[in-house]
Amino acid sequence: MKNIRDLVGDVLREEGAEEIEAVVLLREAWADIVGEKKASKTTPYKLEGNLLYVRVESHVWAQELHYDVEGIK
């Protein structure tokens, strides 16, 4: 029988806790990464491998990030 700590650890690993932690760190540093203006209109929300998903306020901001993808890497 597993204890609760081990069970919680198993669940977090299955749910991608490392990716969740990475997104939290990205959110904290987002303004430094993309600048204050872009950070106020965009938010990183998901990381799958090397692919970062970002919520944007509008399609205009999606295009803005797309054009600056090399600067964000």
PDB file of N, CA and C in Angstrom:
ATOM      1  N   MET A   1       0.845  -1.187   0.000  1.00  0.00           N
ATOM      2  CA  MET A   1       0.000   0.000   0.000  1.00  0.00           C
ATOM      3  C   MET A   1       0.885   1.243   0.000  1.00  0.00           C
ATOM      4  N   LYS A   2       0.557   2.203  -0.880  1.00  0.00           N
ATOM      5  CA  LYS A   2       1.323   3.445  -0.967  1.00  0.00           C
ATOM      6  C   LYS A   2       0.763   4.477  -0.002  1.00  0.00           C
ATOM      7  N   ASN A   3       1.661   5.343   0.478  1.00  0.00           N
ATOM      8  CA  ASN A   3       1.178   6.437   1.316  1.00  0.00           C
ATOM      9  C   ASN A   3       0.714   7.591   0.427  1.00  0.00           C
ATOM     10  N   ILE A   4       0.047   8.545   0.997  1.00  0.00           N
ATOM     11  CA  ILE A   4      -0.554   9.641   0.233  1.00  0.00           C
ATOM     12  C   ILE A   4       0.495  10.471  -0.502  1.00  0.00           C
ATOM     13  N   ARG A   5       1.656  10.666   0.102  1.00  0.00           N
ATOM     14  CA  ARG A   5       2.718  11.442  -0.544  1.00  0.00           C
ATOM     15  C   ARG A   5       3.156  10.784  -1.853  1.00  0.00           C
ATOM     16  N   ASP A   6       3.322   9.465  -1.819  1.00  0.00           N
ATOM     17  CA  ASP A   6       3.716   8.742  -3.029  1.00  0.00           C
ATOM     18  C   ASP A   6       2.621   8.803  -4.098  1.00  0.00           C
ATOM     19  N   LEU A   7       1.375   8.673  -3.671  1.00  0.00           N
ATOM     20  CA  LEU A   7       0.263   8.746  -4.617  1.00  0.00           C
ATOM     21  C   LEU A   7       0.167  10.120  -5.277  1.00  0.00           C
ATOM     22  N   VAL A   8       0.310  11.170  -4.491  1.00  0.00           N
ATOM     23  CA  VAL A   8       0.264  12.525  -5.033  1.00  0.00           C
ATOM     24  C   VAL A   8       1.425  12.731  -5.997  1.00  0.00           C
ATOM     25  N   GLY A   9       2.597  12.261  -5.628  1.00  0.00           N
ATOM     26  CA  GLY A   9       3.760  12.361  -6.512  1.00  0.00           C
ATOM     27  C   GLY A   9       3.524  11.655  -7.831  1.00  0.00           C
ATOM     28  N   ASP A  10       2.916  10.458  -7.771  1.00  0.00           N
ATOM     29  CA  ASP A  10       2.608   9.710  -8.995  1.00  0.00           C
ATOM     30  C   ASP A  10       1.648  10.494  -9.890  1.00  0.00           C
ATOM     31  N   VAL A  11       0.618  11.056  -9.291  1.00  0.00           N
ATOM     32  CA  VAL A  11      -0.376  11.819 -10.054  1.00  0.00           C
ATOM     33  C   VAL A  11       0.268  13.038 -10.699  1.00  0.00           C
ATOM     34  N   LEU A  12       1.087  13.757  -9.935  1.00  0.00           N
ATOM     35  CA  LEU A  12       1.733  14.943 -10.488  1.00  0.00           C
ATOM     36  C   LEU A  12       2.663  14.591 -11.639  1.00  0.00           C
ATOM     37  N   ARG A  13       3.390  13.508 -11.526  1.00  0.00           N
ATOM     38  CA  ARG A  13       4.259  13.088 -12.628  1.00  0.00           C
ATOM     39  C   ARG A  13       3.435  12.728 -13.855  1.00  0.00           C
ATOM     40  N   GLU A  14       2.324  12.022 -13.637  1.00  0.00           N
ATOM     41  CA  GLU A  14       1.453  11.651 -14.757  1.00  0.00           C
ATOM     42  C   GLU A  14       0.840  12.879 -15.425  1.00  0.00           C
ATOM     43  N   GLU A  15       0.575  13.908 -14.645  1.00  0.00           N
ATOM     44  CA  GLU A  15      -0.067  15.115 -15.179  1.00  0.00           C
ATOM     45  C   GLU A  15       0.935  16.131 -15.708  1.00  0.00           C
ATOM     46  N   GLY A  16       2.215  15.800 -15.659  1.00  0.00           N
ATOM     47  CA  GLY A  16       3.221  16.697 -16.209  1.00  0.00           C
ATOM     48  C   GLY A  16       3.615  17.828 -15.284  1.00  0.00           C
ATOM     49  N   ALA A  17       3.908  17.508 -14.040  1.00  0.00           N
ATOM     50  CA  ALA A  17       4.242  18.536 -13.057  1.00  0.00           C
ATOM     51  C   ALA A  17       5.449  19.364 -13.489  1.00  0.00           C
ATOM     52  N   GLU A  18       6.418  18.739 -14.169  1.00  0.00           N
ATOM     53  CA  GLU A  18       7.581  19.507 -14.609  1.00  0.00           C
ATOM     54  C   GLU A  18       7.163  20.600 -15.589  1.00  0.00           C
ATOM     55  N   GLU A  19       6.250  20.259 -16.492  1.00  0.00           N
ATOM     56  CA  GLU A  19       5.774  21.255 -17.441  1.00  0.00           C
ATOM     57  C   GLU A  19       4.990  22.360 -16.745  1.00  0.00           C
ATOM     58  N   ILE A  20       4.197  21.974 -15.750  1.00  0.00           N
ATOM     59  CA  ILE A  20       3.424  22.969 -15.003  1.00  0.00           C
ATOM     60  C   ILE A  20       4.365  23.919 -14.280  1.00  0.00           C
ATOM     61  N   GLU A  21       5.390  23.376 -13.654  1.00  0.00           N
ATOM     62  CA  GLU A  21       6.372  24.212 -12.956  1.00  0.00           C
ATOM     63  C   GLU A  21       7.085  25.139 -13.938  1.00  0.00           C
ATOM     64  N   ALA A  22       7.428  24.626 -15.105  1.00  0.00           N
ATOM     65  CA  ALA A  22       8.099  25.442 -16.115  1.00  0.00           C
ATOM     66  C   ALA A  22       7.202  26.593 -16.564  1.00  0.00           C
ATOM     67  N   VAL A  23       5.906  26.335 -16.731  1.00  0.00           N
ATOM     68  CA  VAL A  23       4.975  27.393 -17.143  1.00  0.00           C
ATOM     69  C   VAL A  23       4.870  28.449 -16.046  1.00  0.00           C
ATOM     70  N   VAL A  24       4.841  28.033 -14.805  1.00  0.00           N
ATOM     71  CA  VAL A  24       4.800  28.996 -13.698  1.00  0.00           C
ATOM     72  C   VAL A  24       6.032  29.892 -13.742  1.00  0.00           C
ATOM     73  N   LEU A  25       7.199  29.293 -13.936  1.00  0.00           N
ATOM     74  CA  LEU A  25       8.429  30.087 -14.016  1.00  0.00           C
ATOM     75  C   LEU A  25       8.415  31.013 -15.231  1.00  0.00           C
ATOM     76  N   LEU A  26       7.912  30.524 -16.353  1.00  0.00           N
ATOM     77  CA  LEU A  26       7.797  31.372 -17.543  1.00  0.00           C
ATOM     78  C   LEU A  26       6.868  32.550 -17.298  1.00  0.00           C
ATOM     79  N   ARG A  27       5.750  32.294 -16.637  1.00  0.00           N
ATOM     80  CA  ARG A  27       4.812  33.392 -16.351  1.00  0.00           C
ATOM     81  C   ARG A  27       5.463  34.458 -15.493  1.00  0.00           C
ATOM     82  N   GLU A  28       6.256  34.015 -14.511  1.00  0.00           N
ATOM     83  CA  GLU A  28       6.918  34.976 -13.625  1.00  0.00           C
ATOM     84  C   GLU A  28       7.924  35.827 -14.382  1.00  0.00           C
ATOM     85  N   ALA A  29       8.569  35.264 -15.389  1.00  0.00           N
ATOM     86  CA  ALA A  29       9.601  35.978 -16.144  1.00  0.00           C
ATOM     87  C   ALA A  29       9.092  36.522 -17.479  1.00  0.00           C
ATOM     88  N   TRP A  30       7.812  36.349 -17.779  1.00  0.00           N
ATOM     89  CA  TRP A  30       7.275  36.653 -19.096  1.00  0.00           C
ATOM     90  C   TRP A  30       7.557  38.091 -19.541  1.00  0.00           C
ATOM     91  N   ALA A  31       7.362  39.062 -18.669  1.00  0.00           N
ATOM     92  CA  ALA A  31       7.598  40.462 -19.038  1.00  0.00           C
ATOM     93  C   ALA A  31       9.060  40.689 -19.410  1.00  0.00           C
ATOM     94  N   ASP A  32       9.973  40.012 -18.740  1.00  0.00           N
ATOM     95  CA  ASP A  32      11.393  40.132 -19.074  1.00  0.00           C
ATOM     96  C   ASP A  32      11.710  39.457 -20.404  1.00  0.00           C
ATOM     97  N   ILE A  33      10.959  38.423 -20.740  1.00  0.00           N
ATOM     98  CA  ILE A  33      11.202  37.674 -21.975  1.00  0.00           C
ATOM     99  C   ILE A  33      10.668  38.408 -23.191  1.00  0.00           C
ATOM    100  N   VAL A  34       9.435  38.891 -23.107  1.00  0.00           N
ATOM    101  CA  VAL A  34       8.789  39.496 -24.282  1.00  0.00           C
ATOM    102  C   VAL A  34       8.604  41.004 -24.182  1.00  0.00           C
ATOM    103  N   GLY A  35       8.859  41.567 -23.028  1.00  0.00           N
ATOM    104  CA  GLY A  35       8.637  42.995 -22.817  1.00  0.00           C
ATOM    105  C   GLY A  35       7.285  43.247 -22.163  1.00  0.00           C
ATOM    106  N   GLU A  36       7.190  44.375 -21.487  1.00  0.00           N
ATOM    107  CA  GLU A  36       5.988  44.710 -20.719  1.00  0.00           C
ATOM    108  C   GLU A  36       4.732  44.789 -21.589  1.00  0.00           C
ATOM    109  N   LYS A  37       4.837  45.430 -22.754  1.00  0.00           N
ATOM    110  CA  LYS A  37       3.658  45.626 -23.605  1.00  0.00           C
ATOM    111  C   LYS A  37       3.081  44.287 -24.061  1.00  0.00           C
ATOM    112  N   LYS A  38       3.942  43.395 -24.600  1.00  0.00           N
ATOM    113  CA  LYS A  38       3.464  42.086 -25.051  1.00  0.00           C
ATOM    114  C   LYS A  38       2.982  41.245 -23.875  1.00  0.00           C
ATOM    115  N   ALA A  39       3.671  41.350 -22.751  1.00  0.00           N
ATOM    116  CA  ALA A  39       3.280  40.562 -21.574  1.00  0.00           C
ATOM    117  C   ALA A  39       1.897  40.959 -21.064  1.00  0.00           C
ATOM    118  N   SER A  40       1.529  42.230 -21.257  1.00  0.00           N
ATOM    119  CA  SER A  40       0.209  42.674 -20.792  1.00  0.00           C
ATOM    120  C   SER A  40      -0.919  42.139 -21.673  1.00  0.00           C
ATOM    121  N   LYS A  41      -0.580  41.651 -22.862  1.00  0.00           N
ATOM    122  CA  LYS A  41      -1.585  41.166 -23.813  1.00  0.00           C
ATOM    123  C   LYS A  41      -1.507  39.658 -24.059  1.00  0.00           C
ATOM    124  N   THR A  42      -0.513  38.990 -23.477  1.00  0.00           N
ATOM    125  CA  THR A  42      -0.285  37.570 -23.727  1.00  0.00           C
ATOM    126  C   THR A  42       0.072  36.844 -22.429  1.00  0.00           C
ATOM    127  N   THR A  43      -0.199  35.531 -22.384  1.00  0.00           N
ATOM    128  CA  THR A  43       0.117  34.731 -21.206  1.00  0.00           C
ATOM    129  C   THR A  43       0.486  33.315 -21.619  1.00  0.00           C
ATOM    130  N   PRO A  44       1.662  32.836 -21.220  1.00  0.00           N
ATOM    131  CA  PRO A  44       1.977  31.432 -21.485  1.00  0.00           C
ATOM    132  C   PRO A  44       1.101  30.545 -20.598  1.00  0.00           C
ATOM    133  N   TYR A  45       0.558  29.450 -21.162  1.00  0.00           N
ATOM    134  CA  TYR A  45      -0.325  28.613 -20.356  1.00  0.00           C
ATOM    135  C   TYR A  45      -0.043  27.122 -20.446  1.00  0.00           C
ATOM    136  N   LYS A  46       0.752  26.689 -21.411  1.00  0.00           N
ATOM    137  CA  LYS A  46       0.969  25.250 -21.544  1.00  0.00           C
ATOM    138  C   LYS A  46       2.309  25.011 -22.238  1.00  0.00           C
ATOM    139  N   LEU A  47       3.006  23.977 -21.787  1.00  0.00           N
ATOM    140  CA  LEU A  47       4.267  23.598 -22.397  1.00  0.00           C
ATOM    141  C   LEU A  47       4.213  22.109 -22.689  1.00  0.00           C
ATOM    142  N   GLU A  48       4.433  21.760 -23.955  1.00  0.00           N
ATOM    143  CA  GLU A  48       4.490  20.356 -24.367  1.00  0.00           C
ATOM    144  C   GLU A  48       5.828  20.142 -25.054  1.00  0.00           C
ATOM    145  N   GLY A  49       6.755  19.526 -24.354  1.00  0.00           N
ATOM    146  CA  GLY A  49       8.092  19.367 -24.905  1.00  0.00           C
ATOM    147  C   GLY A  49       8.714  20.733 -25.109  1.00  0.00           C
ATOM    148  N   ASN A  50       9.066  21.069 -26.344  1.00  0.00           N
ATOM    149  CA  ASN A  50       9.649  22.370 -26.652  1.00  0.00           C
ATOM    150  C   ASN A  50       8.638  23.365 -27.204  1.00  0.00           C
ATOM    151  N   LEU A  51       7.356  23.015 -27.178  1.00  0.00           N
ATOM    152  CA  LEU A  51       6.321  23.870 -27.738  1.00  0.00           C
ATOM    153  C   LEU A  51       5.583  24.602 -26.618  1.00  0.00           C
ATOM    154  N   LEU A  52       5.622  25.924 -26.666  1.00  0.00           N
ATOM    155  CA  LEU A  52       4.953  26.749 -25.666  1.00  0.00           C
ATOM    156  C   LEU A  52       3.656  27.295 -26.254  1.00  0.00           C
ATOM    157  N   TYR A  53       2.561  27.109 -25.543  1.00  0.00           N
ATOM    158  CA  TYR A  53       1.265  27.666 -25.936  1.00  0.00           C
ATOM    159  C   TYR A  53       1.055  28.967 -25.173  1.00  0.00           C
ATOM    160  N   VAL A  54       0.597  29.989 -25.899  1.00  0.00           N
ATOM    161  CA  VAL A  54       0.423  31.312 -25.309  1.00  0.00           C
ATOM    162  C   VAL A  54      -0.971  31.820 -25.625  1.00  0.00           C
ATOM    163  N   ARG A  55      -1.685  32.252 -24.595  1.00  0.00           N
ATOM    164  CA  ARG A  55      -2.984  32.905 -24.808  1.00  0.00           C
ATOM    165  C   ARG A  55      -2.719  34.344 -25.216  1.00  0.00           C
ATOM    166  N   VAL A  56      -3.497  34.809 -26.154  1.00  0.00           N
ATOM    167  CA  VAL A  56      -3.335  36.186 -26.631  1.00  0.00           C
ATOM    168  C   VAL A  56      -4.669  36.913 -26.563  1.00  0.00           C
ATOM    169  N   GLU A  57      -4.581  38.226 -26.445  1.00  0.00           N
ATOM    170  CA  GLU A  57      -5.786  39.039 -26.347  1.00  0.00           C
ATOM    171  C   GLU A  57      -6.554  39.071 -27.665  1.00  0.00           C
ATOM    172  N   SER A  58      -5.838  38.983 -28.787  1.00  0.00           N
ATOM    173  CA  SER A  58      -6.486  39.040 -30.094  1.00  0.00           C
ATOM    174  C   SER A  58      -5.566  38.416 -31.134  1.00  0.00           C
ATOM    175  N   HIS A  59      -6.097  38.246 -32.336  1.00  0.00           N
ATOM    176  CA  HIS A  59      -5.277  37.685 -33.413  1.00  0.00           C
ATOM    177  C   HIS A  59      -4.108  38.603 -33.758  1.00  0.00           C
ATOM    178  N   VAL A  60      -4.260  39.882 -33.507  1.00  0.00           N
ATOM    179  CA  VAL A  60      -3.175  40.838 -33.758  1.00  0.00           C
ATOM    180  C   VAL A  60      -1.967  40.489 -32.881  1.00  0.00           C
ATOM    181  N   TRP A  61      -2.227  40.155 -31.624  1.00  0.00           N
ATOM    182  CA  TRP A  61      -1.130  39.799 -30.725  1.00  0.00           C
ATOM    183  C   TRP A  61      -0.555  38.434 -31.071  1.00  0.00           C
ATOM    184  N   ALA A  62      -1.357  37.547 -31.616  1.00  0.00           N
ATOM    185  CA  ALA A  62      -0.828  36.262 -32.089  1.00  0.00           C
ATOM    186  C   ALA A  62       0.164  36.503 -33.216  1.00  0.00           C
ATOM    187  N   GLN A  63      -0.185  37.387 -34.142  1.00  0.00           N
ATOM    188  CA  GLN A  63       0.724  37.724 -35.239  1.00  0.00           C
ATOM    189  C   GLN A  63       1.989  38.390 -34.712  1.00  0.00           C
ATOM    190  N   GLU A  64       1.828  39.275 -33.762  1.00  0.00           N
ATOM    191  CA  GLU A  64       2.975  39.973 -33.176  1.00  0.00           C
ATOM    192  C   GLU A  64       3.973  38.977 -32.579  1.00  0.00           C
ATOM    193  N   LEU A  65       3.460  38.010 -31.834  1.00  0.00           N
ATOM    194  CA  LEU A  65       4.344  36.985 -31.264  1.00  0.00           C
ATOM    195  C   LEU A  65       4.953  36.117 -32.352  1.00  0.00           C
ATOM    196  N   HIS A  66       4.152  35.794 -33.353  1.00  0.00           N
ATOM    197  CA  HIS A  66       4.648  34.973 -34.452  1.00  0.00           C
ATOM    198  C   HIS A  66       5.842  35.630 -35.131  1.00  0.00           C
ATOM    199  N   TYR A  67       5.752  36.923 -35.381  1.00  0.00           N
ATOM    200  CA  TYR A  67       6.841  37.647 -36.036  1.00  0.00           C
ATOM    201  C   TYR A  67       8.075  37.758 -35.143  1.00  0.00           C
ATOM    202  N   ASP A  68       7.886  37.670 -33.831  1.00  0.00           N
ATOM    203  CA  ASP A  68       9.000  37.824 -32.892  1.00  0.00           C
ATOM    204  C   ASP A  68       9.444  36.480 -32.293  1.00  0.00           C
ATOM    205  N   VAL A  69       9.048  35.368 -32.881  1.00  0.00           N
ATOM    206  CA  VAL A  69       9.326  34.054 -32.298  1.00  0.00           C
ATOM    207  C   VAL A  69      10.824  33.822 -32.109  1.00  0.00           C
ATOM    208  N   GLU A  70      11.653  34.279 -33.013  1.00  0.00           N
ATOM    209  CA  GLU A  70      13.096  34.096 -32.860  1.00  0.00           C
ATOM    210  C   GLU A  70      13.635  34.887 -31.667  1.00  0.00           C
ATOM    211  N   GLY A  71      13.078  36.039 -31.435  1.00  0.00           N
ATOM    212  CA  GLY A  71      13.498  36.848 -30.285  1.00  0.00           C
ATOM    213  C   GLY A  71      13.063  36.265 -28.958  1.00  0.00           C
ATOM    214  N   ILE A  72      11.990  35.472 -28.981  1.00  0.00           N
ATOM    215  CA  ILE A  72      11.472  34.851 -27.767  1.00  0.00           C
ATOM    216  C   ILE A  72      12.236  33.581 -27.433  1.00  0.00           C
ATOM    217  N   LYS A  73      12.702  32.860 -28.450  1.00  0.00           N
ATOM    218  CA  LYS A  73      13.442  31.618 -28.207  1.00  0.00           C
ATOM    219  C   LYS A  73      14.638  31.915 -27.347  1.00  0.00           C
TER     220      LYS A  73
END
